[in-house]
C-alpha atoms as a PDB file:
ATOM      1  CA  MET A   1      -0.040  -0.063   0.051  1.00  0.00           C
ATOM      2  CA  ARG A   2       1.397   3.452  -1.014  1.00  0.00           C
ATOM      3  CA  ARG A   3       1.194   6.147   1.550  1.00  0.00           C
ATOM      4  CA  PHE A   4       0.136   9.738   0.874  1.00  0.00           C
ATOM      5  CA  ARG A   5       3.131  12.011   1.668  1.00  0.00           C
ATOM      6  CA  GLY A   6       1.588  15.458   0.954  1.00  0.00           C
ATOM      7  CA  ARG A   7       0.025  17.875   3.302  1.00  0.00           C
ATOM      8  CA  THR A   8      -3.578  17.301   4.281  1.00  0.00           C
ATOM      9  CA  GLU A   9      -6.098  19.930   4.972  1.00  0.00           C
ATOM     10  CA  ASN A  10      -9.087  19.540   7.380  1.00  0.00           C
ATOM     11  CA  ARG A  11     -12.542  20.544   6.301  1.00  0.00           C
ATOM     12  CA  ARG A  12     -12.464  24.018   7.903  1.00  0.00           C
ATOM     13  CA  GLU A  13      -9.193  24.866   6.077  1.00  0.00           C
ATOM     14  CA  ARG A  14     -10.429  24.189   2.469  1.00  0.00           C
ATOM     15  CA  ILE A  15      -9.259  26.674  -0.093  1.00  0.00           C
ATOM     16  CA  ARG A  16     -12.125  28.304  -2.036  1.00  0.00           C
ATOM     17  CA  GLY A  17     -11.728  27.338  -5.632  1.00  0.00           C
ATOM     18  CA  LEU A  18     -10.760  23.700  -5.077  1.00  0.00           C
ATOM     19  CA  ILE A  19     -13.241  22.059  -2.667  1.00  0.00           C
ATOM     20  CA  SER A  20     -16.656  23.064  -1.606  1.00  0.00           C
ATOM     21  CA  HIS A  21     -19.564  21.384   0.240  1.00  0.00           C
ATOM     22  CA  ARG A  22     -23.129  21.454  -1.104  1.00  0.00           C
ATOM     23  CA  ASP A  23     -24.392  22.704   2.244  1.00  0.00           C
ATOM     24  CA  GLU A  24     -22.038  25.761   2.063  1.00  0.00           C
ATOM     25  CA  ALA A  25     -22.789  26.743  -1.505  1.00  0.00           C
ATOM     26  CA  GLU A  26     -25.278  29.514  -2.169  1.00  0.00           C
ATOM     27  CA  ASN A  27     -28.773  28.314  -3.449  1.00  0.00           C
ATOM     28  CA  ASP A  28     -31.833  30.019  -4.862  1.00  0.00           C
ATOM     29  CA  ARG A  29     -35.480  28.941  -4.965  1.00  0.00           C
ATOM     30  CA  ALA A  30     -37.365  29.323  -8.314  1.00  0.00           C
ATOM     31  CA  GLU A  31     -41.101  28.848  -8.503  1.00  0.00           C
ATOM     32  CA  LEU A  32     -43.407  29.764 -11.370  1.00  0.00           C
ATOM     33  CA  GLY A  33     -46.483  27.801 -12.436  1.00  0.00           C
ATOM     34  CA  HIS A  34     -45.607  24.178 -12.811  1.00  0.00           C
ATOM     35  CA  LEU A  35     -41.892  24.926 -12.187  1.00  0.00           C
ATOM     36  CA  ALA A  36     -40.545  24.707  -8.542  1.00  0.00           C
ATOM     37  CA  ALA A  37     -37.184  23.701  -7.337  1.00  0.00           C
ATOM     38  CA  ARG A  38     -34.162  24.885  -5.243  1.00  0.00           C
ATOM     39  CA  TRP A  39     -30.988  25.322  -7.289  1.00  0.00           C
ATOM     40  CA  THR A  40     -27.531  25.153  -5.802  1.00  0.00           C
ATOM     41  CA  ASP A  41     -24.685  26.237  -8.175  1.00  0.00           C
ATOM     42  CA  LEU A  42     -21.810  23.803  -7.135  1.00  0.00           C
ATOM     43  CA  ALA A  43     -19.551  24.889  -9.880  1.00  0.00           C
ATOM     44  CA  GLU A  44     -19.577  28.449  -8.822  1.00  0.00           C
ATOM     45  CA  ALA A  45     -18.890  27.519  -5.250  1.00  0.00           C
ATOM     46  CA  THR A  46     -15.642  25.969  -6.286  1.00  0.00           C
ATOM     47  CA  GLY A  47     -14.882  28.766  -8.637  1.00  0.00           C
ATOM     48  CA  CYS A  48     -15.223  26.798 -11.827  1.00  0.00           C
ATOM     49  CA  ARG A  49     -15.718  28.849 -15.009  1.00  0.00           C
ATOM     50  CA  GLY A  50     -15.923  26.277 -17.782  1.00  0.00           C
ATOM     51  CA  LEU A  51     -18.323  23.732 -16.460  1.00  0.00           C
ATOM     52  CA  GLY A  52     -21.875  23.965 -15.018  1.00  0.00           C
ATOM     53  CA  VAL A  53     -22.732  21.793 -12.048  1.00  0.00           C
ATOM     54  CA  ASN A  54     -26.019  22.299 -10.239  1.00  0.00           C
ATOM     55  CA  ARG A  55     -27.907  20.416  -7.598  1.00  0.00           C
ATOM     56  CA  ILE A  56     -31.608  20.765  -8.300  1.00  0.00           C
ATOM     57  CA  GLU A  57     -34.099  19.854  -5.576  1.00  0.00           C
ATOM     58  CA  LEU A  58     -37.482  19.433  -7.133  1.00  0.00           C
ATOM     59  CA  ASP A  59     -40.793  19.806  -5.432  1.00  0.00           C
ATOM     60  CA  PRO A  60     -42.982  16.674  -5.851  1.00  0.00           C
ATOM     61  CA  GLY A  61     -44.869  16.696  -9.147  1.00  0.00           C
ATOM     62  CA  ARG A  62     -43.133  19.805 -10.407  1.00  0.00           C
ATOM     63  CA  TRP A  63     -40.587  20.460 -13.218  1.00  0.00           C
ATOM     64  CA  SER A  64     -37.150  21.899 -12.949  1.00  0.00           C
ATOM     65  CA  THR A  65     -37.237  23.790 -16.312  1.00  0.00           C
ATOM     66  CA  PRO A  66     -39.573  24.285 -19.198  1.00  0.00           C
ATOM     67  CA  ALA A  67     -38.893  22.172 -22.367  1.00  0.00           C
ATOM     68  CA  HIS A  68     -35.880  23.739 -24.013  1.00  0.00           C
ATOM     69  CA  THR A  69     -33.061  22.915 -26.502  1.00  0.00           C
ATOM     70  CA  GLU A  70     -29.460  22.739 -25.355  1.00  0.00           C
ATOM     71  CA  THR A  71     -27.413  24.233 -28.281  1.00  0.00           C
ATOM     72  CA  GLY A  72     -24.047  24.830 -26.546  1.00  0.00           C
ATOM     73  CA  GLU A  73     -23.661  21.903 -24.212  1.00  0.00           C
ATOM     74  CA  GLU A  74     -24.876  18.525 -23.191  1.00  0.00           C
ATOM     75  CA  GLU A  75     -26.556  18.077 -19.841  1.00  0.00           C
ATOM     76  CA  ILE A  76     -26.179  15.131 -17.466  1.00  0.00           C
ATOM     77  CA  PHE A  77     -28.527  14.546 -14.599  1.00  0.00           C
ATOM     78  CA  PHE A  78     -27.777  12.116 -11.680  1.00  0.00           C
ATOM     79  CA  VAL A  79     -30.840  11.232  -9.608  1.00  0.00           C
ATOM     80  CA  LEU A  80     -29.846  11.301  -5.962  1.00  0.00           C
ATOM     81  CA  ASP A  81     -33.178  10.462  -4.460  1.00  0.00           C
ATOM     82  CA  GLY A  82     -36.788  10.024  -5.572  1.00  0.00           C
ATOM     83  CA  SER A  83     -38.165   9.330  -8.978  1.00  0.00           C
ATOM     84  CA  GLY A  84     -39.656  11.087 -11.835  1.00  0.00           C
ATOM     85  CA  TRP A  85     -39.685  11.423 -15.702  1.00  0.00           C
ATOM     86  CA  SER A  86     -37.343  12.654 -18.427  1.00  0.00           C
ATOM     87  CA  TRP A  87     -39.061  13.695 -21.554  1.00  0.00           C
ATOM     88  CA  GLN A  88     -37.033  14.073 -24.779  1.00  0.00           C
ATOM     89  CA  GLN A  89     -37.491  14.598 -28.431  1.00  0.00           C
ATOM     90  CA  LEU A  90     -34.954  12.519 -30.304  1.00  0.00           C
ATOM     91  CA  GLY A  91     -33.711  12.051 -33.810  1.00  0.00           C
ATOM     92  CA  ALA A  92     -34.482  13.831 -37.108  1.00  0.00           C
ATOM     93  CA  GLU A  93     -38.278  13.016 -36.609  1.00  0.00           C
ATOM     94  CA  ARG A  94     -38.276  14.574 -33.237  1.00  0.00           C
ATOM     95  CA  GLU A  95     -40.004  11.514 -31.778  1.00  0.00           C
ATOM     96  CA  VAL A  96     -41.150  12.112 -28.285  1.00  0.00           C
ATOM     97  CA  ARG A  97     -39.998   9.623 -25.649  1.00  0.00           C
ATOM     98  CA  MET A  98     -40.566   9.598 -21.874  1.00  0.00           C
ATOM     99  CA  TYR A  99     -38.337   7.749 -19.516  1.00  0.00           C
ATOM    100  CA  GLU A 100     -39.042   6.888 -15.934  1.00  0.00           C
ATOM    101  CA  VAL A 101     -35.943   7.630 -13.810  1.00  0.00           C
ATOM    102  CA  GLY A 102     -35.114   6.905 -10.259  1.00  0.00           C
ATOM    103  CA  GLU A 103     -32.399   6.942  -7.499  1.00  0.00           C
ATOM    104  CA  GLY A 104     -28.994   6.125  -8.955  1.00  0.00           C
ATOM    105  CA  ASP A 105     -30.011   6.791 -12.677  1.00  0.00           C
ATOM    106  CA  CYS A 106     -27.834   9.036 -14.815  1.00  0.00           C
ATOM    107  CA  VAL A 107     -29.597  10.840 -17.603  1.00  0.00           C
ATOM    108  CA  LEU A 108     -27.818  12.426 -20.730  1.00  0.00           C
ATOM    109  CA  VAL A 109     -29.626  15.203 -22.661  1.00  0.00           C
ATOM    110  CA  PRO A 110     -27.535  15.502 -25.761  1.00  0.00           C
ATOM    111  CA  ARG A 111     -26.807  18.873 -27.456  1.00  0.00           C
ATOM    112  CA  GLU A 112     -29.471  19.780 -30.009  1.00  0.00           C
ATOM    113  CA  HIS A 113     -32.098  17.666 -28.350  1.00  0.00           C
ATOM    114  CA  ILE A 114     -35.222  19.037 -26.590  1.00  0.00           C
ATOM    115  CA  GLY A 115     -36.097  17.929 -23.163  1.00  0.00           C
ATOM    116  CA  PHE A 116     -37.400  18.571 -19.746  1.00  0.00           C
ATOM    117  CA  HIS A 117     -37.341  16.863 -16.391  1.00  0.00           C
ATOM    118  CA  GLU A 118     -39.934  16.432 -13.694  1.00  0.00           C
ATOM    119  CA  GLN A 119     -39.999  14.785 -10.278  1.00  0.00           C
END
């Protein structure tokens, strides 16, 4: 077994820009019509500028966002708890498909695809 020979930092000595904890990151509640969730920007909490990482806590039966197209990036969702639906339009025909998702599932929404996500 190899031993770590570097300096270790305890939790209270973390350097902003390298390590953050979700409970210490700023969050914002968004609610409008059928949309309702608490958003925590984890990327900003660590100082990241080229990657978006959000924790989205949905209210039961509500959506996180309206249906939309991602043109500049792909989205990946990891379901931490609960269950819901991922609705996507795929292919040249824009065929609508709904996928039931639950705890432990990882969902990819490819660039140029339309989708939304609800709990």
